């Protein structure tokens, strides 16, 4: 074989080894108990009230009238005895405040606050959460988004897990529920990019600087939240959750990340344009680096799209050799083996990852299309972060720096 062929095969082998490493990491995650299931032995039982900390579920909502009713119904159905709910209306222009007030009038556990002003250099959600919790005295805060649906045991189970592991900051990867074609085809892979950067078990190692949080479901002890100045410390971040986790970890707060697919589910975006813009914003705020975004694009092109393109080329080469009675070269045979190995490892890892998120595995048939769409999303986020230095969100355009923080 030529030197060029050996180099290409070595590079291909390196890519395949990454997929193999991901498969091994997936197995370790299961073995290490990073999947929070509902405990069948205590399902339907309430905790001992004498030893049960108080929990306040905090929901910041802006123009969320459509989903707020369902969200509050899930929260109020929790099998947890010392639960309160705080809805913070963040300058809504629809019926969000009125709906929350209706719940508060009929349910004593619900409190409603309204935010009417947003200071400069603050993101609305961070400001609402920080201001809204100033006089809440619960032992724990559970920050969650309106688009979340909870298993009735979610609060009980996560409090139990946090106390068992002796951590003050616990967050869950949710199940991604989807409706339309584009949701099924793209959102699992969108989440996969985040998992590539933040899915390592180092996020649970206090000696590592790697940290992660999902703001859709984030449980934190109140004294720890106040110690690190909560969302005030990340007030200018486009995406507040990961910077908050990094700040908490640097401050010595014990953090824990796990999969909560059986406890919490989320439907984030419901059409192609919403997916495109929403995930581009997430990548800007989560990755906060043009280099990271560019590397994600390169990985998708070579780590995910390459074997499909190569398979077509190899099939055509085999067909040409067969129709012309030419001998199949050794190089072509080795390329075919490398391509098949790549596809098998990639599909094995993806099949398991789709299952971990509760996604439909049948949608892996659209994987090449998914890759193309996610590359487009990443290109958009790179453009916003590196070139335009601005990002649109909820009818507002924010000027940002190269770390994804809003500036004047």
Foldseek 3Di string as FASTA:
>chain_A
DDPVLVVVLVVLVVLLVVLVVLVVQLVVQVVVPQEQADDPVCPPHEDDVVPAFAEEEEEEDAQCVPQQVQQVVQQVLARYDRYAYEYEYQQHPDCPQVVQVVCVVVPVRYDYHYDNDDDPQFDRVLVRVLVRCPPPDTQKYKFAYSQKHFDNHQVVRVVVVCVVVVFFKEAADEFEDADDDCSQQAVLVLVVLLCVQQVGPCCQPLVDLRHFHDSNTMMGGPVLCVVLSHSVVVRQFLDRTRVRRSSSSVVPGRYYYGHHHNTMYGHQDHDLVCCLQVSLSVCCRSVLALVSLVVSLVCLVSLPVVLVVLVVVLVVVVVVCVVVVHDDDPSSVSSVVSSVSSVVSNLVSSLSSCVSSVRDSVSCVSVNVNSVSVSSSSVVSSCCQPPVQWGDDPNDIFRHHSRRGGDD
